[in-house]
Every structure is written in C-alpha cells, then in structure tokens.
Amino acid sequence: MVAKSSHTSFNMVHVLSVMTLFFIVQIIASDLANQCTLIPERVVEGNEWWRVLTHAFAIDSPWLAFIGLPIYYWLGKETEHLTHDSVFPLGFLFGAIVTGHIVTGK
C-alpha cells in the first residue's frame, strides 16, 4: 500500500484564495458583500441567481475569516488525504449551491 503524499491541492488553494481575496477586497470596498451574499428576496424577486454560488465565498466577518478559513483548510487537507484532490472543492461548491437553493426555497 502506497501512502498518499501530504501535498496541498492546487484546487483547494484556489477556493481558499478566492475566499481570502474576497475578505481583503471587502475590507477595502465595503459594499462588495452586499452584492454577493445570499439574500433570498433578491434571488427570487430580483432574479440575481449568481448569489446562490457567490455566497460561499462572501466572507465579510473577521471571525469567519480568522476562524473559518483555517477550519476549511484543515477539512480540505483531511478530505484530500482520504480521497481525491478534487473532492473538497467540488463538495464545497455543491454544498454552496444546495444550501442556496434550500434557503431561497427554489
């Protein structure tokens, strides 16, 4: 049995980098979170369906940035250690879409 290497997936790094970049831009341009977070009324009535996907990356809280991102990193490394490298990013995006649809009721 061959042990899997302990490298960090390029896909996982991209997902977490986008989240970190969003947080930094949110600090500079404070209206960005209002444009990307999941607001069910805007999704259904305003036809702003991109919010179903972008809410997963919309980190507007320092608590979420400094506690959530390390937890995502740890979960991603553990998931990739046990499975394939693309499982975490695909699961993350799938979970974001499912959660968005549940919250919006569609």
PDB file of N, CA and C in Angstrom:
ATOM      1  N   MET A   1       0.842  -1.178   0.000  1.00  0.00           N
ATOM      2  CA  MET A   1       0.000   0.000   0.000  1.00  0.00           C
ATOM      3  C   MET A   1       0.883   1.235   0.000  1.00  0.00           C
ATOM      4  N   VAL A   2       0.578   2.156  -0.882  1.00  0.00           N
ATOM      5  CA  VAL A   2       1.372   3.361  -1.032  1.00  0.00           C
ATOM      6  C   VAL A   2       0.682   4.497  -0.290  1.00  0.00           C
ATOM      7  N   ALA A   3       1.420   5.185   0.557  1.00  0.00           N
ATOM      8  CA  ALA A   3       0.865   6.312   1.296  1.00  0.00           C
ATOM      9  C   ALA A   3       0.716   7.507   0.374  1.00  0.00           C
ATOM     10  N   LYS A   4      -0.364   8.224   0.533  1.00  0.00           N
ATOM     11  CA  LYS A   4      -0.596   9.404  -0.276  1.00  0.00           C
ATOM     12  C   LYS A   4       0.298  10.534   0.215  1.00  0.00           C
ATOM     13  N   SER A   5       0.836  11.311  -0.705  1.00  0.00           N
ATOM     14  CA  SER A   5       1.716  12.407  -0.306  1.00  0.00           C
ATOM     15  C   SER A   5       0.913  13.474   0.435  1.00  0.00           C
ATOM     16  N   SER A   6       1.599  14.256   1.199  1.00  0.00           N
ATOM     17  CA  SER A   6       0.923  15.257   2.026  1.00  0.00           C
ATOM     18  C   SER A   6       0.944  16.636   1.367  1.00  0.00           C
ATOM     19  N   HIS A   7       0.813  16.677   0.050  1.00  0.00           N
ATOM     20  CA  HIS A   7       0.794  17.965  -0.628  1.00  0.00           C
ATOM     21  C   HIS A   7      -0.564  18.632  -0.471  1.00  0.00           C
ATOM     22  N   THR A   8      -0.605  19.921  -0.707  1.00  0.00           N
ATOM     23  CA  THR A   8      -1.856  20.665  -0.678  1.00  0.00           C
ATOM     24  C   THR A   8      -2.336  20.829  -2.116  1.00  0.00           C
ATOM     25  N   SER A   9      -3.573  20.514  -2.341  1.00  0.00           N
ATOM     26  CA  SER A   9      -4.139  20.545  -3.677  1.00  0.00           C
ATOM     27  C   SER A   9      -4.203  21.971  -4.217  1.00  0.00           C
ATOM     28  N   PHE A  10      -3.911  22.069  -5.496  1.00  0.00           N
ATOM     29  CA  PHE A  10      -3.999  23.342  -6.182  1.00  0.00           C
ATOM     30  C   PHE A  10      -5.447  23.834  -6.198  1.00  0.00           C
ATOM     31  N   ASN A  11      -6.409  22.916  -6.335  1.00  0.00           N
ATOM     32  CA  ASN A  11      -7.825  23.278  -6.345  1.00  0.00           C
ATOM     33  C   ASN A  11      -8.273  23.843  -5.012  1.00  0.00           C
ATOM     34  N   MET A  12      -7.873  23.206  -3.928  1.00  0.00           N
ATOM     35  CA  MET A  12      -8.257  23.688  -2.611  1.00  0.00           C
ATOM     36  C   MET A  12      -7.643  25.051  -2.340  1.00  0.00           C
ATOM     37  N   VAL A  13      -6.406  25.237  -2.738  1.00  0.00           N
ATOM     38  CA  VAL A  13      -5.744  26.523  -2.547  1.00  0.00           C
ATOM     39  C   VAL A  13      -6.482  27.615  -3.316  1.00  0.00           C
ATOM     40  N   HIS A  14      -6.995  27.295  -4.496  1.00  0.00           N
ATOM     41  CA  HIS A  14      -7.762  28.279  -5.260  1.00  0.00           C
ATOM     42  C   HIS A  14      -9.038  28.680  -4.530  1.00  0.00           C
ATOM     43  N   VAL A  15      -9.766  27.723  -4.022  1.00  0.00           N
ATOM     44  CA  VAL A  15     -11.014  28.018  -3.316  1.00  0.00           C
ATOM     45  C   VAL A  15     -10.731  28.911  -2.107  1.00  0.00           C
ATOM     46  N   LEU A  16      -9.753  28.546  -1.303  1.00  0.00           N
ATOM     47  CA  LEU A  16      -9.443  29.333  -0.113  1.00  0.00           C
ATOM     48  C   LEU A  16      -8.816  30.680  -0.469  1.00  0.00           C
ATOM     49  N   SER A  17      -8.091  30.747  -1.575  1.00  0.00           N
ATOM     50  CA  SER A  17      -7.516  32.021  -2.009  1.00  0.00           C
ATOM     51  C   SER A  17      -8.603  32.993  -2.446  1.00  0.00           C
ATOM     52  N   VAL A  18      -9.610  32.489  -3.144  1.00  0.00           N
ATOM     53  CA  VAL A  18     -10.725  33.351  -3.547  1.00  0.00           C
ATOM     54  C   VAL A  18     -11.447  33.880  -2.316  1.00  0.00           C
ATOM     55  N   MET A  19     -11.648  33.038  -1.330  1.00  0.00           N
ATOM     56  CA  MET A  19     -12.306  33.473  -0.101  1.00  0.00           C
ATOM     57  C   MET A  19     -11.476  34.527   0.630  1.00  0.00           C
ATOM     58  N   THR A  20     -10.173  34.324   0.692  1.00  0.00           N
ATOM     59  CA  THR A  20      -9.289  35.283   1.354  1.00  0.00           C
ATOM     60  C   THR A  20      -9.254  36.599   0.582  1.00  0.00           C
ATOM     61  N   LEU A  21      -9.157  36.515  -0.736  1.00  0.00           N
ATOM     62  CA  LEU A  21      -9.147  37.711  -1.560  1.00  0.00           C
ATOM     63  C   LEU A  21     -10.450  38.492  -1.413  1.00  0.00           C
ATOM     64  N   PHE A  22     -11.564  37.784  -1.361  1.00  0.00           N
ATOM     65  CA  PHE A  22     -12.855  38.439  -1.156  1.00  0.00           C
ATOM     66  C   PHE A  22     -12.855  39.199   0.166  1.00  0.00           C
ATOM     67  N   PHE A  23     -12.321  38.592   1.225  1.00  0.00           N
ATOM     68  CA  PHE A  23     -12.296  39.249   2.529  1.00  0.00           C
ATOM     69  C   PHE A  23     -11.445  40.514   2.479  1.00  0.00           C
ATOM     70  N   ILE A  24     -10.304  40.461   1.807  1.00  0.00           N
ATOM     71  CA  ILE A  24      -9.428  41.632   1.715  1.00  0.00           C
ATOM     72  C   ILE A  24     -10.108  42.739   0.908  1.00  0.00           C
ATOM     73  N   VAL A  25     -10.730  42.386  -0.205  1.00  0.00           N
ATOM     74  CA  VAL A  25     -11.435  43.384  -1.014  1.00  0.00           C
ATOM     75  C   VAL A  25     -12.628  43.932  -0.245  1.00  0.00           C
ATOM     76  N   GLN A  26     -13.285  43.093   0.535  1.00  0.00           N
ATOM     77  CA  GLN A  26     -14.424  43.532   1.346  1.00  0.00           C
ATOM     78  C   GLN A  26     -13.994  44.589   2.359  1.00  0.00           C
ATOM     79  N   ILE A  27     -12.801  44.467   2.901  1.00  0.00           N
ATOM     80  CA  ILE A  27     -12.298  45.460   3.844  1.00  0.00           C
ATOM     81  C   ILE A  27     -12.110  46.803   3.126  1.00  0.00           C
ATOM     82  N   ILE A  28     -11.623  46.763   1.894  1.00  0.00           N
ATOM     83  CA  ILE A  28     -11.360  47.985   1.132  1.00  0.00           C
ATOM     84  C   ILE A  28     -12.660  48.575   0.578  1.00  0.00           C
ATOM     85  N   ALA A  29     -13.467  47.754  -0.076  1.00  0.00           N
ATOM     86  CA  ALA A  29     -14.735  48.197  -0.683  1.00  0.00           C
ATOM     87  C   ALA A  29     -15.874  47.527   0.058  1.00  0.00           C
ATOM     88  N   SER A  30     -16.398  48.170   1.057  1.00  0.00           N
ATOM     89  CA  SER A  30     -17.333  47.529   1.983  1.00  0.00           C
ATOM     90  C   SER A  30     -18.672  47.134   1.365  1.00  0.00           C
ATOM     91  N   ASP A  31     -18.991  47.561   0.171  1.00  0.00           N
ATOM     92  CA  ASP A  31     -20.272  47.211  -0.446  1.00  0.00           C
ATOM     93  C   ASP A  31     -20.240  45.870  -1.178  1.00  0.00           C
ATOM     94  N   LEU A  32     -19.071  45.251  -1.276  1.00  0.00           N
ATOM     95  CA  LEU A  32     -18.937  44.012  -2.032  1.00  0.00           C
ATOM     96  C   LEU A  32     -19.778  42.876  -1.443  1.00  0.00           C
ATOM     97  N   ALA A  33     -19.806  42.749  -0.132  1.00  0.00           N
ATOM     98  CA  ALA A  33     -20.583  41.672   0.488  1.00  0.00           C
ATOM     99  C   ALA A  33     -22.068  41.821   0.195  1.00  0.00           C
ATOM    100  N   ASN A  34     -22.550  43.041   0.119  1.00  0.00           N
ATOM    101  CA  ASN A  34     -23.958  43.279  -0.189  1.00  0.00           C
ATOM    102  C   ASN A  34     -24.297  42.802  -1.593  1.00  0.00           C
ATOM    103  N   GLN A  35     -23.319  42.789  -2.491  1.00  0.00           N
ATOM    104  CA  GLN A  35     -23.543  42.358  -3.864  1.00  0.00           C
ATOM    105  C   GLN A  35     -23.461  40.848  -4.045  1.00  0.00           C
ATOM    106  N   CYS A  36     -22.836  40.133  -3.082  1.00  0.00           N
ATOM    107  CA  CYS A  36     -22.569  38.707  -3.280  1.00  0.00           C
ATOM    108  C   CYS A  36     -23.228  37.783  -2.261  1.00  0.00           C
ATOM    109  N   THR A  37     -23.647  38.286  -1.128  1.00  0.00           N
ATOM    110  CA  THR A  37     -24.219  37.408  -0.109  1.00  0.00           C
ATOM    111  C   THR A  37     -25.600  36.910  -0.527  1.00  0.00           C
ATOM    112  N   LEU A  38     -26.042  35.874   0.131  1.00  0.00           N
ATOM    113  CA  LEU A  38     -27.313  35.234  -0.213  1.00  0.00           C
ATOM    114  C   LEU A  38     -28.460  35.968   0.471  1.00  0.00           C
ATOM    115  N   ILE A  39     -29.218  36.699  -0.309  1.00  0.00           N
ATOM    116  CA  ILE A  39     -30.412  37.393   0.163  1.00  0.00           C
ATOM    117  C   ILE A  39     -31.567  36.804  -0.640  1.00  0.00           C
ATOM    118  N   PRO A  40     -32.368  35.927  -0.009  1.00  0.00           N
ATOM    119  CA  PRO A  40     -33.394  35.190  -0.764  1.00  0.00           C
ATOM    120  C   PRO A  40     -34.338  36.071  -1.574  1.00  0.00           C
ATOM    121  N   GLU A  41     -34.733  37.221  -1.039  1.00  0.00           N
ATOM    122  CA  GLU A  41     -35.655  38.093  -1.774  1.00  0.00           C
ATOM    123  C   GLU A  41     -35.033  38.577  -3.084  1.00  0.00           C
ATOM    124  N   ARG A  42     -33.751  38.904  -3.045  1.00  0.00           N
ATOM    125  CA  ARG A  42     -33.093  39.370  -4.265  1.00  0.00           C
ATOM    126  C   ARG A  42     -32.898  38.249  -5.270  1.00  0.00           C
ATOM    127  N   VAL A  43     -32.711  37.040  -4.776  1.00  0.00           N
ATOM    128  CA  VAL A  43     -32.539  35.902  -5.691  1.00  0.00           C
ATOM    129  C   VAL A  43     -33.844  35.612  -6.412  1.00  0.00           C
ATOM    130  N   VAL A  44     -34.931  35.540  -5.660  1.00  0.00           N
ATOM    131  CA  VAL A  44     -36.212  35.144  -6.248  1.00  0.00           C
ATOM    132  C   VAL A  44     -36.862  36.303  -6.999  1.00  0.00           C
ATOM    133  N   GLU A  45     -37.011  37.450  -6.336  1.00  0.00           N
ATOM    134  CA  GLU A  45     -37.722  38.567  -6.949  1.00  0.00           C
ATOM    135  C   GLU A  45     -36.850  39.372  -7.903  1.00  0.00           C
ATOM    136  N   GLY A  46     -35.575  39.517  -7.572  1.00  0.00           N
ATOM    137  CA  GLY A  46     -34.689  40.326  -8.401  1.00  0.00           C
ATOM    138  C   GLY A  46     -33.956  39.541  -9.471  1.00  0.00           C
ATOM    139  N   ASN A  47     -34.172  38.222  -9.488  1.00  0.00           N
ATOM    140  CA  ASN A  47     -33.532  37.346 -10.476  1.00  0.00           C
ATOM    141  C   ASN A  47     -32.005  37.436 -10.425  1.00  0.00           C
ATOM    142  N   GLU A  48     -31.443  37.514  -9.221  1.00  0.00           N
ATOM    143  CA  GLU A  48     -29.994  37.583  -9.022  1.00  0.00           C
ATOM    144  C   GLU A  48     -29.481  36.207  -8.603  1.00  0.00           C
ATOM    145  N   TRP A  49     -29.481  35.267  -9.551  1.00  0.00           N
ATOM    146  CA  TRP A  49     -29.161  33.873  -9.256  1.00  0.00           C
ATOM    147  C   TRP A  49     -27.684  33.626  -8.960  1.00  0.00           C
ATOM    148  N   TRP A  50     -26.800  34.554  -9.327  1.00  0.00           N
ATOM    149  CA  TRP A  50     -25.378  34.372  -9.028  1.00  0.00           C
ATOM    150  C   TRP A  50     -25.122  34.322  -7.530  1.00  0.00           C
ATOM    151  N   ARG A  51     -26.023  34.864  -6.733  1.00  0.00           N
ATOM    152  CA  ARG A  51     -25.857  34.855  -5.281  1.00  0.00           C
ATOM    153  C   ARG A  51     -25.882  33.436  -4.696  1.00  0.00           C
ATOM    154  N   VAL A  52     -26.516  32.504  -5.402  1.00  0.00           N
ATOM    155  CA  VAL A  52     -26.574  31.118  -4.932  1.00  0.00           C
ATOM    156  C   VAL A  52     -25.171  30.518  -4.877  1.00  0.00           C
ATOM    157  N   LEU A  53     -24.289  30.907  -5.772  1.00  0.00           N
ATOM    158  CA  LEU A  53     -22.920  30.410  -5.780  1.00  0.00           C
ATOM    159  C   LEU A  53     -21.956  31.334  -5.045  1.00  0.00           C
ATOM    160  N   THR A  54     -22.112  32.638  -5.195  1.00  0.00           N
ATOM    161  CA  THR A  54     -21.129  33.564  -4.623  1.00  0.00           C
ATOM    162  C   THR A  54     -21.210  33.677  -3.108  1.00  0.00           C
ATOM    163  N   HIS A  55     -22.327  33.298  -2.511  1.00  0.00           N
ATOM    164  CA  HIS A  55     -22.415  33.445  -1.050  1.00  0.00           C
ATOM    165  C   HIS A  55     -21.404  32.560  -0.319  1.00  0.00           C
ATOM    166  N   ALA A  56     -20.956  31.499  -0.948  1.00  0.00           N
ATOM    167  CA  ALA A  56     -19.974  30.621  -0.309  1.00  0.00           C
ATOM    168  C   ALA A  56     -18.619  31.296  -0.161  1.00  0.00           C
ATOM    169  N   PHE A  57     -18.315  32.232  -1.031  1.00  0.00           N
ATOM    170  CA  PHE A  57     -17.031  32.919  -0.996  1.00  0.00           C
ATOM    171  C   PHE A  57     -17.102  34.267  -0.289  1.00  0.00           C
ATOM    172  N   ALA A  58     -18.302  34.730   0.002  1.00  0.00           N
ATOM    173  CA  ALA A  58     -18.510  36.067   0.562  1.00  0.00           C
ATOM    174  C   ALA A  58     -18.226  36.089   2.063  1.00  0.00           C
ATOM    175  N   ILE A  59     -16.979  36.296   2.391  1.00  0.00           N
ATOM    176  CA  ILE A  59     -16.578  36.389   3.794  1.00  0.00           C
ATOM    177  C   ILE A  59     -16.515  37.858   4.163  1.00  0.00           C
ATOM    178  N   ASP A  60     -17.440  38.297   4.996  1.00  0.00           N
ATOM    179  CA  ASP A  60     -17.461  39.697   5.389  1.00  0.00           C
ATOM    180  C   ASP A  60     -17.222  39.892   6.879  1.00  0.00           C
ATOM    181  N   SER A  61     -16.947  38.832   7.581  1.00  0.00           N
ATOM    182  CA  SER A  61     -16.734  38.904   9.018  1.00  0.00           C
ATOM    183  C   SER A  61     -15.303  38.498   9.365  1.00  0.00           C
ATOM    184  N   PRO A  62     -14.628  39.287  10.209  1.00  0.00           N
ATOM    185  CA  PRO A  62     -13.280  38.884  10.629  1.00  0.00           C
ATOM    186  C   PRO A  62     -13.274  37.554  11.368  1.00  0.00           C
ATOM    187  N   TRP A  63     -14.337  37.273  12.111  1.00  0.00           N
ATOM    188  CA  TRP A  63     -14.412  35.993  12.821  1.00  0.00           C
ATOM    189  C   TRP A  63     -14.441  34.832  11.840  1.00  0.00           C
ATOM    190  N   LEU A  64     -15.233  34.973  10.802  1.00  0.00           N
ATOM    191  CA  LEU A  64     -15.302  33.916   9.794  1.00  0.00           C
ATOM    192  C   LEU A  64     -13.982  33.785   9.049  1.00  0.00           C
ATOM    193  N   ALA A  65     -13.313  34.903   8.806  1.00  0.00           N
ATOM    194  CA  ALA A  65     -12.038  34.856   8.098  1.00  0.00           C
ATOM    195  C   ALA A  65     -10.956  34.185   8.934  1.00  0.00           C
ATOM    196  N   PHE A  66     -10.856  34.540  10.191  1.00  0.00           N
ATOM    197  CA  PHE A  66      -9.751  34.051  11.016  1.00  0.00           C
ATOM    198  C   PHE A  66     -10.027  32.711  11.692  1.00  0.00           C
ATOM    199  N   ILE A  67     -11.288  32.327  11.762  1.00  0.00           N
ATOM    200  CA  ILE A  67     -11.617  31.013  12.330  1.00  0.00           C
ATOM    201  C   ILE A  67     -12.084  30.059  11.240  1.00  0.00           C
ATOM    202  N   GLY A  68     -12.924  30.538  10.325  1.00  0.00           N
ATOM    203  CA  GLY A  68     -13.481  29.683   9.282  1.00  0.00           C
ATOM    204  C   GLY A  68     -12.481  29.213   8.246  1.00  0.00           C
ATOM    205  N   LEU A  69     -11.630  30.110   7.779  1.00  0.00           N
ATOM    206  CA  LEU A  69     -10.657  29.725   6.756  1.00  0.00           C
ATOM    207  C   LEU A  69      -9.677  28.656   7.241  1.00  0.00           C
ATOM    208  N   PRO A  70      -9.126  28.755   8.460  1.00  0.00           N
ATOM    209  CA  PRO A  70      -8.279  27.645   8.926  1.00  0.00           C
ATOM    210  C   PRO A  70      -9.047  26.325   9.075  1.00  0.00           C
ATOM    211  N   ILE A  71     -10.312  26.409   9.459  1.00  0.00           N
ATOM    212  CA  ILE A  71     -11.119  25.185   9.569  1.00  0.00           C
ATOM    213  C   ILE A  71     -11.351  24.588   8.179  1.00  0.00           C
ATOM    214  N   TYR A  72     -11.675  25.436   7.196  1.00  0.00           N
ATOM    215  CA  TYR A  72     -11.820  24.954   5.827  1.00  0.00           C
ATOM    216  C   TYR A  72     -10.517  24.336   5.324  1.00  0.00           C
ATOM    217  N   TYR A  73      -9.399  24.968   5.646  1.00  0.00           N
ATOM    218  CA  TYR A  73      -8.106  24.435   5.223  1.00  0.00           C
ATOM    219  C   TYR A  73      -7.868  23.057   5.832  1.00  0.00           C
ATOM    220  N   TRP A  74      -8.138  22.934   7.121  1.00  0.00           N
ATOM    221  CA  TRP A  74      -7.947  21.645   7.801  1.00  0.00           C
ATOM    222  C   TRP A  74      -8.882  20.584   7.215  1.00  0.00           C
ATOM    223  N   LEU A  75     -10.159  20.936   7.042  1.00  0.00           N
ATOM    224  CA  LEU A  75     -11.105  19.981   6.454  1.00  0.00           C
ATOM    225  C   LEU A  75     -10.695  19.593   5.036  1.00  0.00           C
ATOM    226  N   GLY A  76     -10.227  20.557   4.271  1.00  0.00           N
ATOM    227  CA  GLY A  76      -9.797  20.275   2.907  1.00  0.00           C
ATOM    228  C   GLY A  76      -8.599  19.350   2.860  1.00  0.00           C
ATOM    229  N   LYS A  77      -7.618  19.595   3.715  1.00  0.00           N
ATOM    230  CA  LYS A  77      -6.437  18.719   3.735  1.00  0.00           C
ATOM    231  C   LYS A  77      -6.811  17.311   4.163  1.00  0.00           C
ATOM    232  N   GLU A  78      -7.666  17.180   5.170  1.00  0.00           N
ATOM    233  CA  GLU A  78      -8.087  15.856   5.622  1.00  0.00           C
ATOM    234  C   GLU A  78      -8.900  15.138   4.549  1.00  0.00           C
ATOM    235  N   THR A  79      -9.793  15.867   3.894  1.00  0.00           N
ATOM    236  CA  THR A  79     -10.606  15.267   2.838  1.00  0.00           C
ATOM    237  C   THR A  79      -9.729  14.802   1.688  1.00  0.00           C
ATOM    238  N   GLU A  80      -8.780  15.626   1.298  1.00  0.00           N
ATOM    239  CA  GLU A  80      -7.898  15.258   0.197  1.00  0.00           C
ATOM    240  C   GLU A  80      -6.925  14.159   0.577  1.00  0.00           C
ATOM    241  N   HIS A  81      -6.579  14.079   1.834  1.00  0.00           N
ATOM    242  CA  HIS A  81      -5.706  12.997   2.279  1.00  0.00           C
ATOM    243  C   HIS A  81      -6.432  11.655   2.189  1.00  0.00           C
ATOM    244  N   LEU A  82      -7.724  11.668   2.474  1.00  0.00           N
ATOM    245  CA  LEU A  82      -8.505  10.428   2.469  1.00  0.00           C
ATOM    246  C   LEU A  82      -9.099  10.096   1.094  1.00  0.00           C
ATOM    247  N   THR A  83      -9.280  11.108   0.254  1.00  0.00           N
ATOM    248  CA  THR A  83      -9.929  10.887  -1.043  1.00  0.00           C
ATOM    249  C   THR A  83      -9.078  11.486  -2.155  1.00  0.00           C
ATOM    250  N   HIS A  84      -9.725  11.951  -3.174  1.00  0.00           N
ATOM    251  CA  HIS A  84      -9.057  12.550  -4.327  1.00  0.00           C
ATOM    252  C   HIS A  84      -8.936  14.065  -4.125  1.00  0.00           C
ATOM    253  N   ASP A  85      -8.005  14.700  -4.826  1.00  0.00           N
ATOM    254  CA  ASP A  85      -7.746  16.123  -4.654  1.00  0.00           C
ATOM    255  C   ASP A  85      -8.919  17.027  -5.004  1.00  0.00           C
ATOM    256  N   SER A  86      -9.772  16.620  -5.891  1.00  0.00           N
ATOM    257  CA  SER A  86     -10.859  17.496  -6.320  1.00  0.00           C
ATOM    258  C   SER A  86     -12.136  17.317  -5.504  1.00  0.00           C
ATOM    259  N   VAL A  87     -12.149  16.436  -4.520  1.00  0.00           N
ATOM    260  CA  VAL A  87     -13.360  16.181  -3.749  1.00  0.00           C
ATOM    261  C   VAL A  87     -13.756  17.392  -2.902  1.00  0.00           C
ATOM    262  N   PHE A  88     -12.805  18.016  -2.230  1.00  0.00           N
ATOM    263  CA  PHE A  88     -13.140  19.155  -1.377  1.00  0.00           C
ATOM    264  C   PHE A  88     -13.708  20.330  -2.158  1.00  0.00           C
ATOM    265  N   PRO A  89     -13.044  20.808  -3.229  1.00  0.00           N
ATOM    266  CA  PRO A  89     -13.630  21.946  -3.958  1.00  0.00           C
ATOM    267  C   PRO A  89     -14.991  21.629  -4.572  1.00  0.00           C
ATOM    268  N   LEU A  90     -15.136  20.426  -5.117  1.00  0.00           N
ATOM    269  CA  LEU A  90     -16.433  20.060  -5.694  1.00  0.00           C
ATOM    270  C   LEU A  90     -17.509  19.947  -4.620  1.00  0.00           C
ATOM    271  N   GLY A  91     -17.168  19.351  -3.493  1.00  0.00           N
ATOM    272  CA  GLY A  91     -18.116  19.259  -2.385  1.00  0.00           C
ATOM    273  C   GLY A  91     -18.474  20.618  -1.834  1.00  0.00           C
ATOM    274  N   PHE A  92     -17.489  21.504  -1.754  1.00  0.00           N
ATOM    275  CA  PHE A  92     -17.717  22.856  -1.264  1.00  0.00           C
ATOM    276  C   PHE A  92     -18.681  23.601  -2.179  1.00  0.00           C
ATOM    277  N   LEU A  93     -18.446  23.546  -3.481  1.00  0.00           N
ATOM    278  CA  LEU A  93     -19.318  24.233  -4.438  1.00  0.00           C
ATOM    279  C   LEU A  93     -20.703  23.601  -4.492  1.00  0.00           C
ATOM    280  N   PHE A  94     -20.763  22.268  -4.463  1.00  0.00           N
ATOM    281  CA  PHE A  94     -22.057  21.583  -4.451  1.00  0.00           C
ATOM    282  C   PHE A  94     -22.845  21.955  -3.201  1.00  0.00           C
ATOM    283  N   GLY A  95     -22.184  21.967  -2.063  1.00  0.00           N
ATOM    284  CA  GLY A  95     -22.839  22.353  -0.812  1.00  0.00           C
ATOM    285  C   GLY A  95     -23.342  23.784  -0.843  1.00  0.00           C
ATOM    286  N   ALA A  96     -22.577  24.682  -1.459  1.00  0.00           N
ATOM    287  CA  ALA A  96     -22.990  26.080  -1.562  1.00  0.00           C
ATOM    288  C   ALA A  96     -24.241  26.206  -2.431  1.00  0.00           C
ATOM    289  N   ILE A  97     -24.273  25.491  -3.536  1.00  0.00           N
ATOM    290  CA  ILE A  97     -25.433  25.556  -4.429  1.00  0.00           C
ATOM    291  C   ILE A  97     -26.673  24.959  -3.769  1.00  0.00           C
ATOM    292  N   VAL A  98     -26.512  23.804  -3.122  1.00  0.00           N
ATOM    293  CA  VAL A  98     -27.651  23.168  -2.449  1.00  0.00           C
ATOM    294  C   VAL A  98     -28.171  24.067  -1.321  1.00  0.00           C
ATOM    295  N   THR A  99     -27.261  24.604  -0.522  1.00  0.00           N
ATOM    296  CA  THR A  99     -27.662  25.489   0.561  1.00  0.00           C
ATOM    297  C   THR A  99     -28.382  26.720   0.019  1.00  0.00           C
ATOM    298  N   GLY A 100     -27.873  27.293  -1.059  1.00  0.00           N
ATOM    299  CA  GLY A 100     -28.513  28.444  -1.669  1.00  0.00           C
ATOM    300  C   GLY A 100     -29.919  28.150  -2.146  1.00  0.00           C
ATOM    301  N   HIS A 101     -30.099  26.988  -2.744  1.00  0.00           N
ATOM    302  CA  HIS A 101     -31.446  26.617  -3.214  1.00  0.00           C
ATOM    303  C   HIS A 101     -32.401  26.342  -2.048  1.00  0.00           C
ATOM    304  N   ILE A 102     -31.880  25.755  -0.983  1.00  0.00           N
ATOM    305  CA  ILE A 102     -32.740  25.497   0.189  1.00  0.00           C
ATOM    306  C   ILE A 102     -33.166  26.798   0.829  1.00  0.00           C
ATOM    307  N   VAL A 103     -32.238  27.710   0.989  1.00  0.00           N
ATOM    308  CA  VAL A 103     -32.541  28.990   1.642  1.00  0.00           C
ATOM    309  C   VAL A 103     -33.514  29.830   0.800  1.00  0.00           C
ATOM    310  N   THR A 104     -33.336  29.811  -0.507  1.00  0.00           N
ATOM    311  CA  THR A 104     -34.224  30.599  -1.357  1.00  0.00           C
ATOM    312  C   THR A 104     -35.572  29.933  -1.581  1.00  0.00           C
ATOM    313  N   GLY A 105     -35.672  28.658  -1.273  1.00  0.00           N
ATOM    314  CA  GLY A 105     -36.944  27.957  -1.427  1.00  0.00           C
ATOM    315  C   GLY A 105     -37.244  27.539  -2.845  1.00  0.00           C
ATOM    316  N   LYS A 106     -36.245  27.520  -3.693  1.00  0.00           N
ATOM    317  CA  LYS A 106     -36.467  27.130  -5.097  1.00  0.00           C
ATOM    318  C   LYS A 106     -35.681  25.893  -5.428  1.00  0.00           C
TER     319      LYS A 106
END
